[in-house]
C-alpha atoms as a PDB file:
ATOM      1  CA  UNK A   1       0.000   0.000   0.000  1.00  0.00           C
ATOM      2  CA  UNK A   2       2.745   2.469   0.926  1.00  0.00           C
ATOM      3  CA  UNK A   3       4.625   1.605  -2.242  1.00  0.00           C
ATOM      4  CA  UNK A   4       1.706   2.532  -4.494  1.00  0.00           C
ATOM      5  CA  UNK A   5       1.269   5.878  -2.765  1.00  0.00           C
ATOM      6  CA  UNK A   6       4.980   6.664  -2.907  1.00  0.00           C
ATOM      7  CA  UNK A   7       5.195   5.599  -6.565  1.00  0.00           C
ATOM      8  CA  UNK A   8       2.210   7.769  -7.427  1.00  0.00           C
ATOM      9  CA  UNK A   9       3.666  10.794  -5.636  1.00  0.00           C
ATOM     10  CA  UNK A  10       7.097  10.358  -7.209  1.00  0.00           C
ATOM     11  CA  UNK A  11       5.650   9.777 -10.682  1.00  0.00           C
ATOM     12  CA  UNK A  12       3.662  12.990 -10.461  1.00  0.00           C
ATOM     13  CA  UNK A  13       6.690  14.964  -9.279  1.00  0.00           C
ATOM     14  CA  UNK A  14       9.035  13.780 -12.023  1.00  0.00           C
ATOM     15  CA  UNK A  15       6.410  13.422 -14.737  1.00  0.00           C
ATOM     16  CA  UNK A  16       6.484   9.701 -15.509  1.00  0.00           C
ATOM     17  CA  UNK A  17       4.019   6.830 -15.265  1.00  0.00           C
ATOM     18  CA  UNK A  18       3.884   5.307 -11.790  1.00  0.00           C
ATOM     19  CA  UNK A  19       4.176   1.851 -13.360  1.00  0.00           C
ATOM     20  CA  UNK A  20       7.755   2.770 -14.299  1.00  0.00           C
ATOM     21  CA  UNK A  21       8.669   3.028 -10.610  1.00  0.00           C
ATOM     22  CA  UNK A  22       9.692  -0.045  -8.646  1.00  0.00           C
ATOM     23  CA  UNK A  23      10.884  -0.494  -5.071  1.00  0.00           C
ATOM     24  CA  UNK A  24      14.410  -0.641  -6.546  1.00  0.00           C
ATOM     25  CA  UNK A  25      14.143   2.716  -8.316  1.00  0.00           C
ATOM     26  CA  UNK A  26      17.088   4.825  -7.218  1.00  0.00           C
ATOM     27  CA  UNK A  27      16.389   8.275  -5.835  1.00  0.00           C
ATOM     28  CA  UNK A  28      19.118  10.071  -7.763  1.00  0.00           C
ATOM     29  CA  UNK A  29      19.784  12.152 -10.853  1.00  0.00           C
ATOM     30  CA  UNK A  30      20.436   9.091 -13.002  1.00  0.00           C
ATOM     31  CA  UNK A  31      16.739   8.312 -12.708  1.00  0.00           C
ATOM     32  CA  UNK A  32      15.735  11.905 -13.351  1.00  0.00           C
ATOM     33  CA  UNK A  33      15.240  12.752  -9.687  1.00  0.00           C
ATOM     34  CA  UNK A  34      16.822  16.070  -8.737  1.00  0.00           C
ATOM     35  CA  UNK A  35      17.419  17.145  -5.125  1.00  0.00           C
ATOM     36  CA  UNK A  36      14.386  19.442  -5.310  1.00  0.00           C
ATOM     37  CA  UNK A  37      12.273  16.480  -6.474  1.00  0.00           C
ATOM     38  CA  UNK A  38      13.445  14.443  -3.497  1.00  0.00           C
ATOM     39  CA  UNK A  39      12.513  17.322  -1.190  1.00  0.00           C
ATOM     40  CA  UNK A  40       9.039  17.461  -2.747  1.00  0.00           C
ATOM     41  CA  UNK A  41       8.700  13.688  -2.349  1.00  0.00           C
ATOM     42  CA  UNK A  42       9.621  13.869   1.340  1.00  0.00           C
ATOM     43  CA  UNK A  43       7.216  16.741   2.015  1.00  0.00           C
ATOM     44  CA  UNK A  44       4.364  14.992   0.215  1.00  0.00           C
ATOM     45  CA  UNK A  45       5.053  11.690   2.010  1.00  0.00           C
ATOM     46  CA  UNK A  46       4.979  13.515   5.337  1.00  0.00           C
ATOM     47  CA  UNK A  47       1.601  14.988   4.444  1.00  0.00           C
ATOM     48  CA  UNK A  48       0.166  11.789   2.977  1.00  0.00           C
ATOM     49  CA  UNK A  49       1.295   9.443   5.732  1.00  0.00           C
ATOM     50  CA  UNK A  50       0.959  12.059   8.511  1.00  0.00           C
ATOM     51  CA  UNK A  51       4.515  11.544   9.737  1.00  0.00           C
ATOM     52  CA  UNK A  52       7.675  13.568  10.226  1.00  0.00           C
ATOM     53  CA  UNK A  53      10.734  12.568   8.248  1.00  0.00           C
ATOM     54  CA  UNK A  54      13.826  14.003   9.891  1.00  0.00           C
ATOM     55  CA  UNK A  55      16.283  15.820   7.650  1.00  0.00           C
ATOM     56  CA  UNK A  56      19.204  13.760   8.925  1.00  0.00           C
ATOM     57  CA  UNK A  57      17.432  10.567   7.790  1.00  0.00           C
ATOM     58  CA  UNK A  58      16.774  11.683   4.212  1.00  0.00           C
ATOM     59  CA  UNK A  59      20.361  10.997   3.084  1.00  0.00           C
ATOM     60  CA  UNK A  60      19.747   7.297   3.832  1.00  0.00           C
ATOM     61  CA  UNK A  61      17.049   7.000   1.152  1.00  0.00           C
ATOM     62  CA  UNK A  62      18.925   5.609  -1.828  1.00  0.00           C
ATOM     63  CA  UNK A  63      16.029   3.581  -3.238  1.00  0.00           C
ATOM     64  CA  UNK A  64      12.254   3.828  -3.059  1.00  0.00           C
ATOM     65  CA  UNK A  65      12.211   0.767  -0.797  1.00  0.00           C
ATOM     66  CA  UNK A  66      14.411   2.627   1.727  1.00  0.00           C
ATOM     67  CA  UNK A  67      11.742   5.303   2.039  1.00  0.00           C
ATOM     68  CA  UNK A  68       9.004   2.661   2.229  1.00  0.00           C
ATOM     69  CA  UNK A  69      10.787   0.865   5.054  1.00  0.00           C
ATOM     70  CA  UNK A  70      11.338   4.120   6.948  1.00  0.00           C
ATOM     71  CA  UNK A  71       7.633   4.990   6.709  1.00  0.00           C
ATOM     72  CA  UNK A  72       6.640   1.478   7.781  1.00  0.00           C
ATOM     73  CA  UNK A  73       8.863   1.669  10.875  1.00  0.00           C
ATOM     74  CA  UNK A  74       7.488   5.071  11.877  1.00  0.00           C
ATOM     75  CA  UNK A  75       3.885   3.931  11.428  1.00  0.00           C
ATOM     76  CA  UNK A  76       4.523   0.808  13.518  1.00  0.00           C
ATOM     77  CA  UNK A  77       5.884   2.955  16.343  1.00  0.00           C
ATOM     78  CA  UNK A  78       2.724   5.049  16.525  1.00  0.00           C
END
């Protein structure tokens, strides 16, 4: 469930089809994701999942699945 939401958000931000995003999609320029796009993704995930993603944790998100796992852990702690 979280993956679909994240994929949809990211696809809208970078202007691609969400079906082109997988859990192994890298969150870097090679995949067309600029630092500003990553910031937008984080902000939108915070709003969508009603969580706070700490700035110092963002550098750990190399792949979409890293962000998914982070969100899952936060939601489990609630």
